PDB file of all heavy atoms in Angstrom:
ATOM      1  N   PHE A   1       9.459  -7.999   5.853  1.00  0.00           N
ATOM      2  CA  PHE A   1       8.175  -7.829   6.537  1.00  0.00           C
ATOM      3  C   PHE A   1       8.299  -6.698   7.551  1.00  0.00           C
ATOM      4  O   PHE A   1       9.394  -6.199   7.816  1.00  0.00           O
ATOM      5  CB  PHE A   1       7.720  -9.126   7.221  1.00  0.00           C
ATOM      6  CG  PHE A   1       8.736  -9.757   8.144  1.00  0.00           C
ATOM      7  CD1 PHE A   1       8.946  -9.275   9.427  1.00  0.00           C
ATOM      8  CD2 PHE A   1       9.495 -10.849   7.721  1.00  0.00           C
ATOM      9  CE1 PHE A   1       9.874  -9.851  10.282  1.00  0.00           C
ATOM     10  CE2 PHE A   1      10.429 -11.434   8.568  1.00  0.00           C
ATOM     11  CZ  PHE A   1      10.615 -10.946   9.843  1.00  0.00           C
ATOM     12  N   ASN A   2       7.152  -6.296   8.108  1.00  0.00           N
ATOM     13  CA  ASN A   2       7.144  -5.227   9.103  1.00  0.00           C
ATOM     14  C   ASN A   2       7.617  -5.755  10.450  1.00  0.00           C
ATOM     15  O   ASN A   2       7.238  -6.860  10.853  1.00  0.00           O
ATOM     16  CB  ASN A   2       5.741  -4.647   9.254  1.00  0.00           C
ATOM     17  CG  ASN A   2       5.370  -3.738   8.109  1.00  0.00           C
ATOM     18  OD1 ASN A   2       5.790  -3.940   6.978  1.00  0.00           O
ATOM     19  ND2 ASN A   2       4.569  -2.722   8.400  1.00  0.00           N
ATOM     20  N   ARG A   3       8.406  -4.966  11.138  1.00  0.00           N
ATOM     21  CA  ARG A   3       8.861  -5.345  12.470  1.00  0.00           C
ATOM     22  C   ARG A   3       9.296  -4.098  13.223  1.00  0.00           C
ATOM     23  O   ARG A   3       9.465  -3.026  12.645  1.00  0.00           O
ATOM     24  CB  ARG A   3       9.996  -6.366  12.405  1.00  0.00           C
ATOM     25  CG  ARG A   3      11.314  -5.832  11.895  1.00  0.00           C
ATOM     26  CD  ARG A   3      12.319  -6.950  11.638  1.00  0.00           C
ATOM     27  NE  ARG A   3      13.686  -6.423  11.490  1.00  0.00           N
ATOM     28  CZ  ARG A   3      14.628  -6.486  12.417  1.00  0.00           C
ATOM     29  NH1 ARG A   3      14.370  -7.074  13.586  1.00  0.00           N
ATOM     30  NH2 ARG A   3      15.831  -5.991  12.216  1.00  0.00           N
ATOM     31  N   LEU A   4       9.484  -4.252  14.518  1.00  0.00           N
ATOM     32  CA  LEU A   4       9.964  -3.150  15.340  1.00  0.00           C
ATOM     33  C   LEU A   4      11.451  -2.943  15.071  1.00  0.00           C
ATOM     34  O   LEU A   4      12.244  -3.881  15.165  1.00  0.00           O
ATOM     35  CB  LEU A   4       9.754  -3.453  16.826  1.00  0.00           C
ATOM     36  CG  LEU A   4       8.303  -3.591  17.298  1.00  0.00           C
ATOM     37  CD1 LEU A   4       8.266  -4.064  18.744  1.00  0.00           C
ATOM     38  CD2 LEU A   4       7.553  -2.276  17.146  1.00  0.00           C
ATOM     39  N   THR A   5      11.817  -1.730  14.730  1.00  0.00           N
ATOM     40  CA  THR A   5      13.240  -1.371  14.586  1.00  0.00           C
ATOM     41  C   THR A   5      13.438  -0.030  15.281  1.00  0.00           C
ATOM     42  O   THR A   5      13.379   1.021  14.638  1.00  0.00           O
ATOM     43  CB  THR A   5      13.659  -1.277  13.107  1.00  0.00           C
ATOM     44  OG1 THR A   5      12.761  -0.400  12.419  1.00  0.00           O
ATOM     45  CG2 THR A   5      13.667  -2.631  12.443  1.00  0.00           C
ATOM     46  N   PRO A   6      13.626  -0.046  16.596  1.00  0.00           N
ATOM     47  CA  PRO A   6      13.726   1.209  17.359  1.00  0.00           C
ATOM     48  C   PRO A   6      15.065   1.907  17.152  1.00  0.00           C
ATOM     49  O   PRO A   6      15.917   1.977  18.040  1.00  0.00           O
ATOM     50  CB  PRO A   6      13.539   0.743  18.806  1.00  0.00           C
ATOM     51  CG  PRO A   6      14.043  -0.669  18.816  1.00  0.00           C
ATOM     52  CD  PRO A   6      13.701  -1.236  17.468  1.00  0.00           C
ATOM     53  N   ILE A   7      15.254   2.407  15.925  1.00  0.00           N
ATOM     54  CA  ILE A   7      16.493   3.072  15.533  1.00  0.00           C
ATOM     55  C   ILE A   7      16.180   4.515  15.187  1.00  0.00           C
ATOM     56  O   ILE A   7      15.248   4.804  14.431  1.00  0.00           O
ATOM     57  CB  ILE A   7      17.122   2.368  14.308  1.00  0.00           C
ATOM     58  CG1 ILE A   7      17.306   0.871  14.584  1.00  0.00           C
ATOM     59  CG2 ILE A   7      18.450   3.016  13.931  1.00  0.00           C
ATOM     60  CD1 ILE A   7      18.275   0.552  15.687  1.00  0.00           C
ATOM     61  N   TRP A   8      16.976   5.427  15.724  1.00  0.00           N
ATOM     62  CA  TRP A   8      16.733   6.865  15.570  1.00  0.00           C
ATOM     63  C   TRP A   8      16.592   7.298  14.106  1.00  0.00           C
ATOM     64  O   TRP A   8      15.593   7.943  13.741  1.00  0.00           O
ATOM     65  CB  TRP A   8      17.863   7.629  16.268  1.00  0.00           C
ATOM     66  CG  TRP A   8      17.792   9.108  16.156  1.00  0.00           C
ATOM     67  CD1 TRP A   8      18.383   9.890  15.213  1.00  0.00           C
ATOM     68  CD2 TRP A   8      17.093  10.006  17.017  1.00  0.00           C
ATOM     69  NE1 TRP A   8      18.096  11.209  15.422  1.00  0.00           N
ATOM     70  CE2 TRP A   8      17.318  11.311  16.525  1.00  0.00           C
ATOM     71  CE3 TRP A   8      16.307   9.827  18.149  1.00  0.00           C
ATOM     72  CZ2 TRP A   8      16.776  12.437  17.133  1.00  0.00           C
ATOM     73  CZ3 TRP A   8      15.775  10.961  18.766  1.00  0.00           C
ATOM     74  CH2 TRP A   8      16.010  12.237  18.257  1.00  0.00           C
ATOM     75  N   PRO A   9      17.529   6.975  13.200  1.00  0.00           N
ATOM     76  CA  PRO A   9      17.365   7.431  11.809  1.00  0.00           C
ATOM     77  C   PRO A   9      16.092   6.888  11.158  1.00  0.00           C
ATOM     78  O   PRO A   9      15.438   7.593  10.392  1.00  0.00           O
ATOM     79  CB  PRO A   9      18.622   6.894  11.105  1.00  0.00           C
ATOM     80  CG  PRO A   9      19.617   6.686  12.190  1.00  0.00           C
ATOM     81  CD  PRO A   9      18.817   6.271  13.379  1.00  0.00           C
ATOM     82  N   ASN A  10      15.744   5.628  11.455  1.00  0.00           N
ATOM     83  CA  ASN A  10      14.546   5.057  10.855  1.00  0.00           C
ATOM     84  C   ASN A  10      13.280   5.757  11.346  1.00  0.00           C
ATOM     85  O   ASN A  10      12.294   5.862  10.618  1.00  0.00           O
ATOM     86  CB  ASN A  10      14.465   3.565  11.151  1.00  0.00           C
ATOM     87  CG  ASN A  10      15.513   2.764  10.391  1.00  0.00           C
ATOM     88  OD1 ASN A  10      16.408   3.343   9.781  1.00  0.00           O
ATOM     89  ND2 ASN A  10      15.406   1.463  10.426  1.00  0.00           N
ATOM     90  N   ALA A  11      13.301   6.229  12.599  1.00  0.00           N
ATOM     91  CA  ALA A  11      12.155   6.975  13.113  1.00  0.00           C
ATOM     92  C   ALA A  11      11.966   8.260  12.315  1.00  0.00           C
ATOM     93  O   ALA A  11      10.838   8.622  11.943  1.00  0.00           O
ATOM     94  CB  ALA A  11      12.345   7.284  14.593  1.00  0.00           C
ATOM     95  N   TYR A  12      13.063   8.949  12.037  1.00  0.00           N
ATOM     96  CA  TYR A  12      12.979  10.181  11.252  1.00  0.00           C
ATOM     97  C   TYR A  12      12.464   9.892   9.844  1.00  0.00           C
ATOM     98  O   TYR A  12      11.583  10.587   9.328  1.00  0.00           O
ATOM     99  CB  TYR A  12      14.339  10.874  11.176  1.00  0.00           C
ATOM    100  CG  TYR A  12      14.289  12.130  10.330  1.00  0.00           C
ATOM    101  CD1 TYR A  12      13.936  13.349  10.888  1.00  0.00           C
ATOM    102  CD2 TYR A  12      14.560  12.086   8.963  1.00  0.00           C
ATOM    103  CE1 TYR A  12      13.847  14.494  10.100  1.00  0.00           C
ATOM    104  CE2 TYR A  12      14.476  13.214   8.175  1.00  0.00           C
ATOM    105  CZ  TYR A  12      14.124  14.423   8.748  1.00  0.00           C
ATOM    106  OH  TYR A  12      14.035  15.545   7.966  1.00  0.00           O
ATOM    107  N   ILE A  13      13.009   8.850   9.217  1.00  0.00           N
ATOM    108  CA  ILE A  13      12.598   8.499   7.861  1.00  0.00           C
ATOM    109  C   ILE A  13      11.116   8.139   7.823  1.00  0.00           C
ATOM    110  O   ILE A  13      10.374   8.555   6.933  1.00  0.00           O
ATOM    111  CB  ILE A  13      13.454   7.324   7.340  1.00  0.00           C
ATOM    112  CG1 ILE A  13      14.919   7.750   7.210  1.00  0.00           C
ATOM    113  CG2 ILE A  13      12.930   6.829   5.994  1.00  0.00           C
ATOM    114  CD1 ILE A  13      15.873   6.583   7.044  1.00  0.00           C
ATOM    115  N   GLY A  14      10.667   7.356   8.821  1.00  0.00           N
ATOM    116  CA  GLY A  14       9.252   7.007   8.896  1.00  0.00           C
ATOM    117  C   GLY A  14       8.381   8.231   9.091  1.00  0.00           C
ATOM    118  O   GLY A  14       7.296   8.344   8.510  1.00  0.00           O
ATOM    119  N   GLY A  15       8.839   9.157   9.925  1.00  0.00           N
ATOM    120  CA  GLY A  15       8.089  10.387  10.143  1.00  0.00           C
ATOM    121  C   GLY A  15       8.002  11.226   8.882  1.00  0.00           C
ATOM    122  O   GLY A  15       6.936  11.763   8.539  1.00  0.00           O
ATOM    123  N   ARG A  16       9.106  11.334   8.200  1.00  0.00           N
ATOM    124  CA  ARG A  16       9.114  12.116   6.960  1.00  0.00           C
ATOM    125  C   ARG A  16       8.166  11.501   5.925  1.00  0.00           C
ATOM    126  O   ARG A  16       7.426  12.201   5.242  1.00  0.00           O
ATOM    127  CB  ARG A  16      10.533  12.176   6.409  1.00  0.00           C
ATOM    128  CG  ARG A  16      10.680  13.029   5.173  1.00  0.00           C
ATOM    129  CD  ARG A  16      11.619  14.157   5.422  1.00  0.00           C
ATOM    130  NE  ARG A  16      11.728  15.030   4.271  1.00  0.00           N
ATOM    131  CZ  ARG A  16      12.397  16.163   4.283  1.00  0.00           C
ATOM    132  NH1 ARG A  16      12.997  16.555   5.382  1.00  0.00           N
ATOM    133  NH2 ARG A  16      12.466  16.917   3.214  1.00  0.00           N
ATOM    134  N   THR A  17       8.208  10.171   5.825  1.00  0.00           N
ATOM    135  CA  THR A  17       7.308   9.470   4.912  1.00  0.00           C
ATOM    136  C   THR A  17       5.853   9.728   5.288  1.00  0.00           C
ATOM    137  O   THR A  17       5.012  10.034   4.437  1.00  0.00           O
ATOM    138  CB  THR A  17       7.598   7.963   4.936  1.00  0.00           C
ATOM    139  OG1 THR A  17       8.975   7.728   4.583  1.00  0.00           O
ATOM    140  CG2 THR A  17       6.691   7.212   3.989  1.00  0.00           C
ATOM    141  N   ALA A  18       5.542   9.587   6.583  1.00  0.00           N
ATOM    142  CA  ALA A  18       4.180   9.819   7.052  1.00  0.00           C
ATOM    143  C   ALA A  18       3.738  11.242   6.760  1.00  0.00           C
ATOM    144  O   ALA A  18       2.615  11.484   6.299  1.00  0.00           O
ATOM    145  CB  ALA A  18       4.084   9.533   8.550  1.00  0.00           C
ATOM    146  N   GLY A  19       4.617  12.213   7.025  1.00  0.00           N
ATOM    147  CA  GLY A  19       4.261  13.612   6.824  1.00  0.00           C
ATOM    148  C   GLY A  19       3.887  13.927   5.388  1.00  0.00           C
ATOM    149  O   GLY A  19       2.905  14.626   5.120  1.00  0.00           O
ATOM    150  N   ARG A  20       4.646  13.393   4.460  1.00  0.00           N
ATOM    151  CA  ARG A  20       4.345  13.640   3.041  1.00  0.00           C
ATOM    152  C   ARG A  20       2.999  13.021   2.658  1.00  0.00           C
ATOM    153  O   ARG A  20       2.217  13.620   1.919  1.00  0.00           O
ATOM    154  CB  ARG A  20       5.474  13.090   2.174  1.00  0.00           C
ATOM    155  CG  ARG A  20       6.765  13.890   2.283  1.00  0.00           C
ATOM    156  CD  ARG A  20       7.891  13.251   1.491  1.00  0.00           C
ATOM    157  NE  ARG A  20       7.571  13.141   0.075  1.00  0.00           N
ATOM    158  CZ  ARG A  20       7.676  14.121  -0.816  1.00  0.00           C
ATOM    159  NH1 ARG A  20       8.080  15.325  -0.424  1.00  0.00           N
ATOM    160  NH2 ARG A  20       7.385  13.933  -2.092  1.00  0.00           N
ATOM    161  N   ASN A  21       2.738  11.827   3.168  1.00  0.00           N
ATOM    162  CA  ASN A  21       1.444  11.195   2.879  1.00  0.00           C
ATOM    163  C   ASN A  21       0.291  11.942   3.541  1.00  0.00           C
ATOM    164  O   ASN A  21      -0.791  12.078   2.955  1.00  0.00           O
ATOM    165  CB  ASN A  21       1.468   9.734   3.322  1.00  0.00           C
ATOM    166  CG  ASN A  21       2.247   8.855   2.365  1.00  0.00           C
ATOM    167  OD1 ASN A  21       1.833   8.638   1.232  1.00  0.00           O
ATOM    168  ND2 ASN A  21       3.393   8.341   2.802  1.00  0.00           N
ATOM    169  N   MET A  22       0.503  12.426   4.750  1.00  0.00           N
ATOM    170  CA  MET A  22      -0.531  13.204   5.428  1.00  0.00           C
ATOM    171  C   MET A  22      -0.875  14.455   4.624  1.00  0.00           C
ATOM    172  O   MET A  22      -2.022  14.905   4.610  1.00  0.00           O
ATOM    173  CB  MET A  22      -0.060  13.588   6.832  1.00  0.00           C
ATOM    174  CG  MET A  22       0.051  12.399   7.788  1.00  0.00           C
ATOM    175  SD  MET A  22       1.009  12.772   9.284  1.00  0.00           S
ATOM    176  CE  MET A  22      -0.142  13.816  10.185  1.00  0.00           C
ATOM    177  N   ALA A  23       0.128  15.008   3.941  1.00  0.00           N
ATOM    178  CA  ALA A  23      -0.076  16.221   3.141  1.00  0.00           C
ATOM    179  C   ALA A  23      -0.537  15.918   1.718  1.00  0.00           C
ATOM    180  O   ALA A  23      -0.653  16.831   0.899  1.00  0.00           O
ATOM    181  CB  ALA A  23       1.215  17.031   3.107  1.00  0.00           C
ATOM    182  N   GLY A  24      -0.768  14.631   1.430  1.00  0.00           N
ATOM    183  CA  GLY A  24      -1.382  14.288   0.155  1.00  0.00           C
ATOM    184  C   GLY A  24      -0.443  13.838  -0.940  1.00  0.00           C
ATOM    185  O   GLY A  24      -0.883  13.636  -2.081  1.00  0.00           O
ATOM    186  N   VAL A  25       0.847  13.659  -0.642  1.00  0.00           N
ATOM    187  CA  VAL A  25       1.804  13.190  -1.647  1.00  0.00           C
ATOM    188  C   VAL A  25       2.150  11.741  -1.351  1.00  0.00           C
ATOM    189  O   VAL A  25       2.792  11.447  -0.328  1.00  0.00           O
ATOM    190  CB  VAL A  25       3.074  14.059  -1.656  1.00  0.00           C
ATOM    191  CG1 VAL A  25       4.100  13.492  -2.651  1.00  0.00           C
ATOM    192  CG2 VAL A  25       2.736  15.492  -2.014  1.00  0.00           C
ATOM    193  N   HIS A  26       1.735  10.850  -2.233  1.00  0.00           N
ATOM    194  CA  HIS A  26       1.988   9.421  -2.010  1.00  0.00           C
ATOM    195  C   HIS A  26       3.485   9.161  -1.965  1.00  0.00           C
ATOM    196  O   HIS A  26       4.220   9.444  -2.911  1.00  0.00           O
ATOM    197  CB  HIS A  26       1.352   8.590  -3.121  1.00  0.00           C
ATOM    198  CG  HIS A  26       1.625   7.118  -2.976  1.00  0.00           C
ATOM    199  ND1 HIS A  26       0.944   6.335  -2.065  1.00  0.00           N
ATOM    200  CD2 HIS A  26       2.506   6.295  -3.602  1.00  0.00           C
ATOM    201  CE1 HIS A  26       1.379   5.089  -2.142  1.00  0.00           C
ATOM    202  NE2 HIS A  26       2.324   5.043  -3.077  1.00  0.00           N
ATOM    203  N   THR A  27       3.952   8.624  -0.828  1.00  0.00           N
ATOM    204  CA  THR A  27       5.367   8.347  -0.627  1.00  0.00           C
ATOM    205  C   THR A  27       5.496   7.036   0.128  1.00  0.00           C
ATOM    206  O   THR A  27       4.840   6.846   1.156  1.00  0.00           O
ATOM    207  CB  THR A  27       6.040   9.472   0.198  1.00  0.00           C
ATOM    208  OG1 THR A  27       5.795  10.731  -0.437  1.00  0.00           O
ATOM    209  CG2 THR A  27       7.538   9.241   0.322  1.00  0.00           C
ATOM    210  N   GLN A  28       6.333   6.144  -0.364  1.00  0.00           N
ATOM    211  CA  GLN A  28       6.542   4.869   0.317  1.00  0.00           C
ATOM    212  C   GLN A  28       7.776   4.937   1.200  1.00  0.00           C
ATOM    213  O   GLN A  28       8.781   5.568   0.862  1.00  0.00           O
ATOM    214  CB  GLN A  28       6.699   3.727  -0.693  1.00  0.00           C
ATOM    215  CG  GLN A  28       5.394   3.247  -1.282  1.00  0.00           C
ATOM    216  CD  GLN A  28       5.503   1.823  -1.802  1.00  0.00           C
ATOM    217  OE1 GLN A  28       6.573   1.329  -2.104  1.00  0.00           O
ATOM    218  NE2 GLN A  28       4.367   1.150  -1.899  1.00  0.00           N
ATOM    219  N   TYR A  29       7.665   4.271   2.343  1.00  0.00           N
ATOM    220  CA  TYR A  29       8.816   4.099   3.232  1.00  0.00           C
ATOM    221  C   TYR A  29       9.925   3.413   2.434  1.00  0.00           C
ATOM    222  O   TYR A  29       9.700   2.370   1.812  1.00  0.00           O
ATOM    223  CB  TYR A  29       8.381   3.230   4.406  1.00  0.00           C
ATOM    224  CG  TYR A  29       9.354   3.101   5.554  1.00  0.00           C
ATOM    225  CD1 TYR A  29       9.772   4.221   6.266  1.00  0.00           C
ATOM    226  CD2 TYR A  29       9.819   1.850   5.957  1.00  0.00           C
ATOM    227  CE1 TYR A  29      10.632   4.095   7.344  1.00  0.00           C
ATOM    228  CE2 TYR A  29      10.676   1.716   7.036  1.00  0.00           C
ATOM    229  CZ  TYR A  29      11.083   2.838   7.726  1.00  0.00           C
ATOM    230  OH  TYR A  29      11.934   2.711   8.791  1.00  0.00           O
ATOM    231  N   PRO A  30      11.129   3.987   2.392  1.00  0.00           N
ATOM    232  CA  PRO A  30      12.177   3.451   1.526  1.00  0.00           C
ATOM    233  C   PRO A  30      12.769   2.146   2.051  1.00  0.00           C
ATOM    234  O   PRO A  30      12.404   1.661   3.125  1.00  0.00           O
ATOM    235  CB  PRO A  30      13.221   4.568   1.530  1.00  0.00           C
ATOM    236  CG  PRO A  30      13.030   5.245   2.844  1.00  0.00           C
ATOM    237  CD  PRO A  30      11.547   5.172   3.130  1.00  0.00           C
ATOM    238  N   ARG A  31      13.681   1.587   1.274  1.00  0.00           N
ATOM    239  CA  ARG A  31      14.347   0.352   1.670  1.00  0.00           C
ATOM    240  C   ARG A  31      15.319   0.654   2.810  1.00  0.00           C
ATOM    241  O   ARG A  31      16.358   1.277   2.609  1.00  0.00           O
ATOM    242  CB  ARG A  31      15.106  -0.257   0.493  1.00  0.00           C
ATOM    243  CG  ARG A  31      14.211  -0.766  -0.627  1.00  0.00           C
ATOM    244  CD  ARG A  31      15.050  -1.346  -1.745  1.00  0.00           C
ATOM    245  NE  ARG A  31      15.893  -2.441  -1.275  1.00  0.00           N
ATOM    246  CZ  ARG A  31      15.520  -3.715  -1.237  1.00  0.00           C
ATOM    247  NH1 ARG A  31      14.316  -4.065  -1.644  1.00  0.00           N
ATOM    248  NH2 ARG A  31      16.348  -4.648  -0.799  1.00  0.00           N
ATOM    249  N   VAL A  32      14.991   0.217   4.005  1.00  0.00           N
ATOM    250  CA  VAL A  32      15.864   0.389   5.164  1.00  0.00           C
ATOM    251  C   VAL A  32      15.783  -0.854   6.024  1.00  0.00           C
ATOM    252  O   VAL A  32      14.883  -1.680   5.893  1.00  0.00           O
ATOM    253  CB  VAL A  32      15.483   1.624   6.020  1.00  0.00           C
ATOM    254  CG1 VAL A  32      15.686   2.912   5.254  1.00  0.00           C
ATOM    255  CG2 VAL A  32      14.051   1.522   6.519  1.00  0.00           C
ATOM    256  N   THR A  33      16.752  -0.987   6.910  1.00  0.00           N
ATOM    257  CA  THR A  33      16.736  -2.042   7.906  1.00  0.00           C
ATOM    258  C   THR A  33      17.358  -1.468   9.169  1.00  0.00           C
ATOM    259  O   THR A  33      17.751  -0.297   9.208  1.00  0.00           O
ATOM    260  CB  THR A  33      17.512  -3.284   7.411  1.00  0.00           C
ATOM    261  OG1 THR A  33      17.343  -4.364   8.351  1.00  0.00           O
ATOM    262  CG2 THR A  33      18.997  -3.002   7.265  1.00  0.00           C
TER     263      THR A  33
END
């Protein structure tokens, strides 16, 4: 489920995922913890 994970690498991964979706390429946040 969704939860707060204030971890530096996960922030980058989330940002990268968001950026691709903002630019129109459907991308899912990968399997991370």
